[in-house]
Amino acid sequence: MGTSAQTGFDRLKDDKGFQDHWAKRVIAYVIDVAIVSVAVYILVLIVALPALPAFFSGQTFPFAWFWGFWLGGIVPLIVLAYFVLAEALFERTLGKELMGLRVARLDNKRLDLWSSFVRNISKIAFILLIVDVAVGLGTHGDGRQKYSDRYIGTIVETTNNSRIIPDWL
C-alpha cells in the first residue's frame, strides 16, 4: 500500500523512519520551548520586581492582573515570535538545528514571514498545536506535515542521517 493511501497515524505504527522524524520534531519543540521559556520567565521576573512590594503589602489584584497579562497574553506571543522569526530567517529553530531538521517550502522558494507565521500560529496554545498535528496525521497526504504545513505548503525535512529510533527496534 502506497504512503499516499495511508494516513500519518497508519505510518506511525510501522514506519521506523517516520517515527524517527516525528520523534525529532517533538524533541526539537521541547528544546525550543524550554529555551524560550527560561529566557522569557527571567524577563518577566525582572519586570515583576517593582510589583513585589505591592504584593507583600496585601494588594493582590494588581499583582494577579500583572501575571495574568504576562502569562496569558505576552508570553505566548513571544514564543510564537521566536518560532516565526527563527524559521523565516534561518529555516530552523535552535531545537530543529540540534535535531537535524529544517523547514522548507514545497515550491522551493525561501520561507517568508507569512508562511512561517501560518505554519506556527497553532503554537500560540498547546491544544491548538495538538489539533494541528492530529489533523495533519489523521488525513491522507504527506504525513510529515501538520495541517498548517499542508495549508501553507511547507514541510519539515531531515538534514542529516542521525537516528533517534534505531531500525532494529
N, C-alpha and C. Protein backbone atom coordinates (compact mmCIF):
# COMPACT_ATOMS: atom_id res chain seq x y z
N MET A 1 0.85 -1.18 0.00
CA MET A 1 0.00 0.00 0.00
C MET A 1 0.89 1.24 0.00
N GLY A 2 0.66 2.20 -0.90
CA GLY A 2 1.47 3.41 -1.01
C GLY A 2 1.24 4.34 0.16
N THR A 3 2.22 5.22 0.38
CA THR A 3 2.13 6.12 1.51
C THR A 3 1.02 7.16 1.34
N SER A 4 0.62 7.49 0.10
CA SER A 4 -0.44 8.47 -0.10
C SER A 4 -1.81 7.89 0.28
N ALA A 5 -1.94 6.56 0.28
CA ALA A 5 -3.20 5.93 0.66
C ALA A 5 -3.30 5.76 2.17
N GLN A 6 -2.21 6.00 2.89
CA GLN A 6 -2.19 5.85 4.34
C GLN A 6 -2.25 7.22 5.00
N THR A 7 -2.78 7.23 6.20
CA THR A 7 -2.70 8.45 7.00
C THR A 7 -1.37 8.43 7.76
N GLY A 8 -1.02 9.55 8.34
CA GLY A 8 0.18 9.61 9.15
C GLY A 8 0.11 8.68 10.34
N PHE A 9 -1.08 8.54 10.93
CA PHE A 9 -1.24 7.63 12.06
C PHE A 9 -0.97 6.19 11.65
N ASP A 10 -1.39 5.81 10.42
CA ASP A 10 -1.10 4.46 9.92
C ASP A 10 0.40 4.25 9.79
N ARG A 11 1.11 5.26 9.28
CA ARG A 11 2.55 5.15 9.10
C ARG A 11 3.30 5.12 10.43
N LEU A 12 2.78 5.80 11.44
CA LEU A 12 3.45 5.82 12.74
C LEU A 12 3.53 4.43 13.37
N LYS A 13 2.59 3.54 13.01
CA LYS A 13 2.58 2.20 13.60
C LYS A 13 3.78 1.36 13.17
N ASP A 14 4.18 1.46 11.91
CA ASP A 14 5.16 0.52 11.37
C ASP A 14 6.42 1.14 10.78
N ASP A 15 6.39 2.37 10.39
CA ASP A 15 7.50 3.00 9.66
C ASP A 15 8.48 3.64 10.65
N LYS A 16 9.63 3.00 10.87
CA LYS A 16 10.63 3.49 11.83
C LYS A 16 11.20 4.84 11.41
N GLY A 17 11.40 5.05 10.13
CA GLY A 17 11.90 6.35 9.66
C GLY A 17 10.90 7.46 9.93
N PHE A 18 9.63 7.16 9.77
CA PHE A 18 8.56 8.12 10.03
C PHE A 18 8.47 8.41 11.53
N GLN A 19 8.57 7.36 12.34
CA GLN A 19 8.58 7.54 13.80
C GLN A 19 9.76 8.41 14.22
N ASP A 20 10.91 8.17 13.61
CA ASP A 20 12.11 8.92 13.92
C ASP A 20 11.92 10.40 13.58
N HIS A 21 11.30 10.67 12.43
CA HIS A 21 11.04 12.05 12.02
C HIS A 21 10.20 12.79 13.05
N TRP A 22 9.11 12.16 13.50
CA TRP A 22 8.23 12.81 14.46
C TRP A 22 8.85 12.88 15.84
N ALA A 23 9.67 11.91 16.21
CA ALA A 23 10.38 11.98 17.49
C ALA A 23 11.33 13.18 17.49
N LYS A 24 12.04 13.38 16.40
CA LYS A 24 12.93 14.54 16.28
C LYS A 24 12.14 15.85 16.37
N ARG A 25 10.98 15.89 15.74
CA ARG A 25 10.18 17.12 15.78
C ARG A 25 9.70 17.42 17.19
N VAL A 26 9.27 16.39 17.90
CA VAL A 26 8.79 16.59 19.27
C VAL A 26 9.94 17.05 20.17
N ILE A 27 11.10 16.40 20.05
CA ILE A 27 12.25 16.78 20.85
C ILE A 27 12.68 18.21 20.53
N ALA A 28 12.71 18.56 19.25
CA ALA A 28 13.06 19.92 18.84
C ALA A 28 12.10 20.94 19.45
N TYR A 29 10.81 20.62 19.45
CA TYR A 29 9.82 21.53 20.03
C TYR A 29 10.04 21.70 21.53
N VAL A 30 10.31 20.62 22.23
CA VAL A 30 10.56 20.69 23.68
C VAL A 30 11.80 21.54 23.96
N ILE A 31 12.86 21.34 23.20
CA ILE A 31 14.08 22.14 23.36
C ILE A 31 13.77 23.61 23.14
N ASP A 32 13.07 23.92 22.06
CA ASP A 32 12.75 25.32 21.76
C ASP A 32 11.91 25.97 22.84
N VAL A 33 10.88 25.28 23.28
CA VAL A 33 10.01 25.85 24.30
C VAL A 33 10.78 26.03 25.61
N ALA A 34 11.64 25.10 25.95
CA ALA A 34 12.44 25.22 27.17
C ALA A 34 13.36 26.44 27.10
N ILE A 35 14.05 26.61 25.99
CA ILE A 35 14.98 27.74 25.83
C ILE A 35 14.23 29.06 25.90
N VAL A 36 13.17 29.18 25.14
CA VAL A 36 12.41 30.43 25.11
C VAL A 36 11.73 30.68 26.45
N SER A 37 11.20 29.65 27.06
CA SER A 37 10.51 29.83 28.34
C SER A 37 11.45 30.33 29.43
N VAL A 38 12.63 29.77 29.52
CA VAL A 38 13.58 30.22 30.53
C VAL A 38 13.92 31.69 30.30
N ALA A 39 14.22 32.06 29.07
CA ALA A 39 14.56 33.46 28.77
C ALA A 39 13.39 34.39 29.07
N VAL A 40 12.19 34.01 28.67
CA VAL A 40 11.02 34.86 28.88
C VAL A 40 10.67 34.97 30.35
N TYR A 41 10.74 33.89 31.10
CA TYR A 41 10.39 33.95 32.51
C TYR A 41 11.42 34.75 33.32
N ILE A 42 12.68 34.74 32.93
CA ILE A 42 13.66 35.63 33.56
C ILE A 42 13.28 37.08 33.28
N LEU A 43 12.91 37.37 32.04
CA LEU A 43 12.47 38.72 31.69
C LEU A 43 11.23 39.13 32.50
N VAL A 44 10.27 38.23 32.62
CA VAL A 44 9.05 38.51 33.38
C VAL A 44 9.38 38.78 34.85
N LEU A 45 10.27 37.99 35.41
CA LEU A 45 10.64 38.21 36.82
C LEU A 45 11.32 39.56 37.01
N ILE A 46 12.17 39.94 36.07
CA ILE A 46 12.82 41.25 36.15
C ILE A 46 11.78 42.37 36.07
N VAL A 47 10.81 42.22 35.17
CA VAL A 47 9.75 43.22 35.04
C VAL A 47 8.86 43.23 36.28
N ALA A 48 8.69 42.09 36.92
CA ALA A 48 7.80 41.99 38.08
C ALA A 48 8.42 42.51 39.37
N LEU A 49 9.72 42.68 39.43
CA LEU A 49 10.36 43.11 40.67
C LEU A 49 9.74 44.38 41.26
N PRO A 50 9.41 45.39 40.48
CA PRO A 50 8.78 46.58 41.08
C PRO A 50 7.40 46.29 41.68
N ALA A 51 6.73 45.24 41.25
CA ALA A 51 5.40 44.92 41.76
C ALA A 51 5.43 44.10 43.05
N LEU A 52 6.58 43.57 43.42
CA LEU A 52 6.66 42.74 44.62
C LEU A 52 6.26 43.48 45.90
N PRO A 53 6.66 44.73 46.13
CA PRO A 53 6.21 45.41 47.36
C PRO A 53 4.68 45.51 47.44
N ALA A 54 4.00 45.72 46.32
CA ALA A 54 2.54 45.79 46.33
C ALA A 54 1.96 44.44 46.74
N PHE A 55 2.54 43.37 46.28
CA PHE A 55 2.05 42.04 46.64
C PHE A 55 2.20 41.79 48.15
N PHE A 56 3.36 42.14 48.69
CA PHE A 56 3.61 41.88 50.11
C PHE A 56 2.84 42.83 51.03
N SER A 57 2.34 43.93 50.47
CA SER A 57 1.54 44.84 51.30
C SER A 57 0.05 44.51 51.22
N GLY A 58 -0.30 43.42 50.54
CA GLY A 58 -1.69 42.96 50.52
C GLY A 58 -2.47 43.37 49.29
N GLN A 59 -1.88 44.07 48.35
CA GLN A 59 -2.57 44.47 47.13
C GLN A 59 -2.43 43.37 46.07
N THR A 60 -3.25 42.36 46.17
CA THR A 60 -3.10 41.19 45.29
C THR A 60 -3.72 41.39 43.92
N PHE A 61 -4.76 42.22 43.79
CA PHE A 61 -5.42 42.35 42.49
C PHE A 61 -4.48 42.85 41.40
N PRO A 62 -3.73 43.97 41.62
CA PRO A 62 -2.83 44.41 40.54
C PRO A 62 -1.77 43.37 40.24
N PHE A 63 -1.30 42.70 41.29
CA PHE A 63 -0.26 41.69 41.08
C PHE A 63 -0.79 40.52 40.27
N ALA A 64 -2.01 40.06 40.60
CA ALA A 64 -2.62 38.96 39.85
C ALA A 64 -2.87 39.37 38.41
N TRP A 65 -3.31 40.60 38.19
CA TRP A 65 -3.56 41.09 36.84
C TRP A 65 -2.26 41.09 36.04
N PHE A 66 -1.19 41.54 36.68
CA PHE A 66 0.12 41.59 36.02
C PHE A 66 0.53 40.22 35.52
N TRP A 67 0.45 39.19 36.38
CA TRP A 67 0.86 37.84 35.99
C TRP A 67 -0.07 37.27 34.93
N GLY A 68 -1.36 37.53 35.04
CA GLY A 68 -2.30 37.06 34.03
C GLY A 68 -2.02 37.68 32.67
N PHE A 69 -1.69 38.96 32.68
CA PHE A 69 -1.36 39.67 31.44
C PHE A 69 -0.13 39.05 30.78
N TRP A 70 0.93 38.82 31.56
CA TRP A 70 2.15 38.26 31.00
C TRP A 70 1.99 36.80 30.61
N LEU A 71 1.52 35.99 31.55
CA LEU A 71 1.47 34.55 31.29
C LEU A 71 0.37 34.17 30.32
N GLY A 72 -0.72 34.91 30.32
CA GLY A 72 -1.84 34.59 29.43
C GLY A 72 -1.78 35.26 28.08
N GLY A 73 -1.01 36.33 27.97
CA GLY A 73 -1.03 37.07 26.71
C GLY A 73 0.32 37.29 26.07
N ILE A 74 1.23 37.87 26.81
CA ILE A 74 2.51 38.26 26.22
C ILE A 74 3.44 37.07 25.99
N VAL A 75 3.55 36.18 26.95
CA VAL A 75 4.48 35.04 26.81
C VAL A 75 4.15 34.18 25.59
N PRO A 76 2.88 33.80 25.36
CA PRO A 76 2.61 33.02 24.15
C PRO A 76 2.96 33.77 22.86
N LEU A 77 2.80 35.09 22.86
CA LEU A 77 3.16 35.87 21.67
C LEU A 77 4.67 35.90 21.46
N ILE A 78 5.43 35.95 22.54
CA ILE A 78 6.88 35.92 22.43
C ILE A 78 7.34 34.56 21.91
N VAL A 79 6.75 33.49 22.42
CA VAL A 79 7.09 32.14 21.95
C VAL A 79 6.76 32.02 20.46
N LEU A 80 5.59 32.51 20.06
CA LEU A 80 5.21 32.49 18.64
C LEU A 80 6.20 33.29 17.81
N ALA A 81 6.58 34.48 18.29
CA ALA A 81 7.52 35.32 17.55
C ALA A 81 8.86 34.61 17.36
N TYR A 82 9.32 33.88 18.38
CA TYR A 82 10.57 33.13 18.27
C TYR A 82 10.50 32.13 17.11
N PHE A 83 9.45 31.33 17.09
CA PHE A 83 9.32 30.32 16.03
C PHE A 83 9.21 30.98 14.65
N VAL A 84 8.39 32.00 14.53
CA VAL A 84 8.18 32.66 13.25
C VAL A 84 9.47 33.28 12.73
N LEU A 85 10.14 34.06 13.56
CA LEU A 85 11.36 34.74 13.12
C LEU A 85 12.51 33.77 12.86
N ALA A 86 12.70 32.80 13.73
CA ALA A 86 13.80 31.84 13.54
C ALA A 86 13.62 31.07 12.23
N GLU A 87 12.41 30.63 11.95
CA GLU A 87 12.19 29.85 10.74
C GLU A 87 12.20 30.72 9.48
N ALA A 88 11.69 31.94 9.57
CA ALA A 88 11.71 32.83 8.41
C ALA A 88 13.14 33.27 8.07
N LEU A 89 13.95 33.50 9.09
CA LEU A 89 15.31 33.98 8.85
C LEU A 89 16.31 32.86 8.59
N PHE A 90 16.18 31.74 9.32
CA PHE A 90 17.19 30.69 9.27
C PHE A 90 16.67 29.33 8.80
N GLU A 91 15.37 29.22 8.54
CA GLU A 91 14.70 27.98 8.14
C GLU A 91 14.75 26.91 9.22
N ARG A 92 15.10 27.29 10.44
CA ARG A 92 15.14 26.36 11.56
C ARG A 92 15.19 27.14 12.86
N THR A 93 14.82 26.45 13.91
CA THR A 93 14.97 26.98 15.26
C THR A 93 16.19 26.31 15.89
N LEU A 94 16.54 26.68 17.09
CA LEU A 94 17.67 26.01 17.75
C LEU A 94 17.40 24.52 17.95
N GLY A 95 16.18 24.19 18.35
CA GLY A 95 15.81 22.78 18.53
C GLY A 95 15.89 22.00 17.23
N LYS A 96 15.39 22.58 16.16
CA LYS A 96 15.46 21.91 14.86
C LYS A 96 16.91 21.75 14.41
N GLU A 97 17.73 22.74 14.66
CA GLU A 97 19.15 22.63 14.31
C GLU A 97 19.80 21.47 15.06
N LEU A 98 19.52 21.36 16.35
CA LEU A 98 20.10 20.27 17.15
C LEU A 98 19.60 18.90 16.70
N MET A 99 18.38 18.83 16.20
CA MET A 99 17.80 17.55 15.77
C MET A 99 18.02 17.27 14.29
N GLY A 100 18.67 18.18 13.58
CA GLY A 100 18.93 17.96 12.17
C GLY A 100 17.70 18.12 11.30
N LEU A 101 16.92 19.16 11.57
CA LEU A 101 15.70 19.43 10.81
C LEU A 101 15.72 20.85 10.26
N ARG A 102 14.98 21.06 9.20
CA ARG A 102 14.79 22.41 8.68
C ARG A 102 13.43 22.51 8.02
N VAL A 103 12.91 23.73 7.94
CA VAL A 103 11.62 23.97 7.31
C VAL A 103 11.86 24.43 5.88
N ALA A 104 11.09 23.89 4.96
CA ALA A 104 11.22 24.28 3.56
C ALA A 104 9.83 24.46 2.95
N ARG A 105 9.77 25.29 1.94
CA ARG A 105 8.53 25.43 1.19
C ARG A 105 8.53 24.39 0.07
N LEU A 106 7.37 23.89 -0.26
CA LEU A 106 7.26 22.86 -1.30
C LEU A 106 7.58 23.41 -2.69
N ASP A 107 7.43 24.71 -2.88
CA ASP A 107 7.74 25.32 -4.18
C ASP A 107 9.21 25.74 -4.28
N ASN A 108 10.03 25.34 -3.31
CA ASN A 108 11.47 25.61 -3.26
C ASN A 108 11.84 27.08 -3.15
N LYS A 109 10.88 27.94 -2.85
CA LYS A 109 11.19 29.35 -2.59
C LYS A 109 11.64 29.48 -1.14
N ARG A 110 12.24 30.60 -0.83
CA ARG A 110 12.68 30.86 0.55
C ARG A 110 11.46 31.03 1.45
N LEU A 111 11.54 30.51 2.67
CA LEU A 111 10.46 30.64 3.63
C LEU A 111 10.34 32.11 4.03
N ASP A 112 9.16 32.68 3.90
CA ASP A 112 8.93 34.08 4.24
C ASP A 112 8.20 34.19 5.57
N LEU A 113 8.04 35.42 6.05
CA LEU A 113 7.39 35.65 7.34
C LEU A 113 5.96 35.13 7.37
N TRP A 114 5.21 35.34 6.28
CA TRP A 114 3.81 34.91 6.26
C TRP A 114 3.70 33.39 6.35
N SER A 115 4.49 32.68 5.55
CA SER A 115 4.45 31.22 5.58
C SER A 115 4.85 30.71 6.96
N SER A 116 5.88 31.32 7.54
CA SER A 116 6.32 30.92 8.86
C SER A 116 5.25 31.21 9.91
N PHE A 117 4.59 32.35 9.79
CA PHE A 117 3.52 32.69 10.73
C PHE A 117 2.37 31.69 10.65
N VAL A 118 1.93 31.37 9.43
CA VAL A 118 0.79 30.46 9.26
C VAL A 118 1.13 29.07 9.80
N ARG A 119 2.34 28.57 9.53
CA ARG A 119 2.67 27.22 9.98
C ARG A 119 2.90 27.16 11.49
N ASN A 120 3.14 28.30 12.13
CA ASN A 120 3.41 28.31 13.56
C ASN A 120 2.29 28.88 14.42
N ILE A 121 1.23 29.39 13.84
CA ILE A 121 0.17 30.02 14.62
C ILE A 121 -0.43 29.07 15.65
N SER A 122 -0.44 27.80 15.36
CA SER A 122 -1.01 26.84 16.32
C SER A 122 -0.15 26.72 17.58
N LYS A 123 1.07 27.22 17.56
CA LYS A 123 1.94 27.13 18.74
C LYS A 123 1.61 28.19 19.78
N ILE A 124 0.63 29.01 19.52
CA ILE A 124 0.22 30.02 20.49
C ILE A 124 -0.50 29.38 21.68
N ALA A 125 -1.07 28.20 21.47
CA ALA A 125 -1.71 27.45 22.55
C ALA A 125 -1.47 25.97 22.29
N PHE A 126 -1.07 25.24 23.32
CA PHE A 126 -0.69 23.84 23.16
C PHE A 126 -1.82 22.99 22.57
N ILE A 127 -3.05 23.25 22.96
CA ILE A 127 -4.18 22.46 22.43
C ILE A 127 -4.33 22.68 20.93
N LEU A 128 -4.08 23.89 20.46
CA LEU A 128 -4.14 24.16 19.01
C LEU A 128 -3.05 23.38 18.27
N LEU A 129 -1.88 23.29 18.88
CA LEU A 129 -0.78 22.53 18.26
C LEU A 129 -1.15 21.05 18.18
N ILE A 130 -1.74 20.51 19.23
CA ILE A 130 -2.16 19.10 19.22
C ILE A 130 -3.18 18.87 18.10
N VAL A 131 -4.15 19.76 17.97
CA VAL A 131 -5.17 19.63 16.91
C VAL A 131 -4.51 19.73 15.54
N ASP A 132 -3.61 20.68 15.36
CA ASP A 132 -2.91 20.87 14.09
C ASP A 132 -2.16 19.60 13.68
N VAL A 133 -1.42 19.01 14.62
CA VAL A 133 -0.67 17.79 14.33
C VAL A 133 -1.62 16.62 14.09
N ALA A 134 -2.65 16.49 14.91
CA ALA A 134 -3.59 15.37 14.77
C ALA A 134 -4.33 15.41 13.44
N VAL A 135 -4.74 16.59 13.01
CA VAL A 135 -5.43 16.69 11.71
C VAL A 135 -4.46 16.36 10.58
N GLY A 136 -3.23 16.83 10.69
CA GLY A 136 -2.23 16.51 9.67
C GLY A 136 -1.94 15.02 9.60
N LEU A 137 -1.80 14.38 10.75
CA LEU A 137 -1.52 12.94 10.78
C LEU A 137 -2.76 12.10 10.46
N GLY A 138 -3.93 12.64 10.71
CA GLY A 138 -5.16 11.87 10.53
C GLY A 138 -5.74 11.93 9.13
N THR A 139 -5.17 12.73 8.26
CA THR A 139 -5.67 12.85 6.89
C THR A 139 -4.65 12.28 5.92
N HIS A 140 -5.10 12.01 4.73
CA HIS A 140 -4.22 11.46 3.70
C HIS A 140 -3.33 12.55 3.13
N GLY A 141 -2.14 12.17 2.77
CA GLY A 141 -1.17 13.11 2.23
C GLY A 141 0.18 12.83 2.87
N ASP A 142 1.08 13.79 2.75
CA ASP A 142 2.41 13.63 3.33
C ASP A 142 2.30 13.71 4.85
N GLY A 143 2.53 12.63 5.52
CA GLY A 143 2.37 12.54 6.96
C GLY A 143 3.39 13.35 7.74
N ARG A 144 4.41 13.88 7.06
CA ARG A 144 5.38 14.73 7.75
C ARG A 144 4.83 16.14 7.97
N GLN A 145 3.67 16.42 7.41
CA GLN A 145 3.09 17.75 7.52
C GLN A 145 1.97 17.79 8.54
N LYS A 146 2.00 18.81 9.41
CA LYS A 146 0.82 19.08 10.21
C LYS A 146 -0.14 19.82 9.29
N TYR A 147 -1.36 20.04 9.71
CA TYR A 147 -2.35 20.65 8.84
C TYR A 147 -1.91 22.01 8.33
N SER A 148 -1.35 22.84 9.21
CA SER A 148 -0.93 24.18 8.81
C SER A 148 0.20 24.11 7.77
N ASP A 149 1.05 23.10 7.85
CA ASP A 149 2.09 22.91 6.83
C ASP A 149 1.44 22.62 5.47
N ARG A 150 0.45 21.76 5.47
CA ARG A 150 -0.24 21.44 4.21
C ARG A 150 -0.92 22.68 3.64
N TYR A 151 -1.56 23.43 4.52
CA TYR A 151 -2.32 24.61 4.09
C TYR A 151 -1.40 25.64 3.42
N ILE A 152 -0.24 25.90 4.02
CA ILE A 152 0.64 26.95 3.51
C ILE A 152 1.69 26.41 2.53
N GLY A 153 1.86 25.08 2.45
CA GLY A 153 2.80 24.50 1.50
C GLY A 153 4.23 24.43 2.02
N THR A 154 4.38 24.01 3.28
CA THR A 154 5.71 23.84 3.86
C THR A 154 5.87 22.42 4.38
N ILE A 155 7.11 22.06 4.65
CA ILE A 155 7.40 20.73 5.18
C ILE A 155 8.65 20.82 6.05
N VAL A 156 8.77 19.95 7.03
CA VAL A 156 9.97 19.85 7.84
C VAL A 156 10.79 18.69 7.30
N GLU A 157 12.01 18.99 6.89
CA GLU A 157 12.89 18.00 6.28
C GLU A 157 14.02 17.63 7.23
N THR A 158 14.53 16.42 7.07
CA THR A 158 15.70 15.98 7.82
C THR A 158 16.94 16.41 7.06
N THR A 159 17.92 16.98 7.80
CA THR A 159 19.14 17.46 7.15
C THR A 159 20.34 16.54 7.38
N ASN A 160 20.17 15.49 8.18
CA ASN A 160 21.26 14.54 8.39
C ASN A 160 20.69 13.14 8.55
N ASN A 161 21.56 12.17 8.63
CA ASN A 161 21.12 10.78 8.71
C ASN A 161 21.12 10.22 10.13
N SER A 162 21.31 11.07 11.12
CA SER A 162 21.30 10.56 12.50
C SER A 162 19.91 10.07 12.86
N ARG A 163 19.86 9.07 13.72
CA ARG A 163 18.58 8.46 14.09
C ARG A 163 18.37 8.55 15.59
N ILE A 164 17.14 8.77 15.98
CA ILE A 164 16.73 8.71 17.38
C ILE A 164 16.21 7.31 17.67
N ILE A 165 15.41 6.80 16.74
CA ILE A 165 14.80 5.47 16.88
C ILE A 165 15.54 4.53 15.92
N PRO A 166 16.28 3.54 16.44
CA PRO A 166 17.02 2.63 15.55
C PRO A 166 16.08 1.74 14.74
N ASP A 167 16.54 1.32 13.59
CA ASP A 167 15.73 0.46 12.71
C ASP A 167 15.44 -0.89 13.34
N TRP A 168 16.30 -1.38 14.20
CA TRP A 168 16.12 -2.72 14.75
C TRP A 168 15.08 -2.80 15.85
N LEU A 169 14.56 -1.68 16.35
CA LEU A 169 13.53 -1.75 17.40
C LEU A 169 12.20 -2.20 16.87
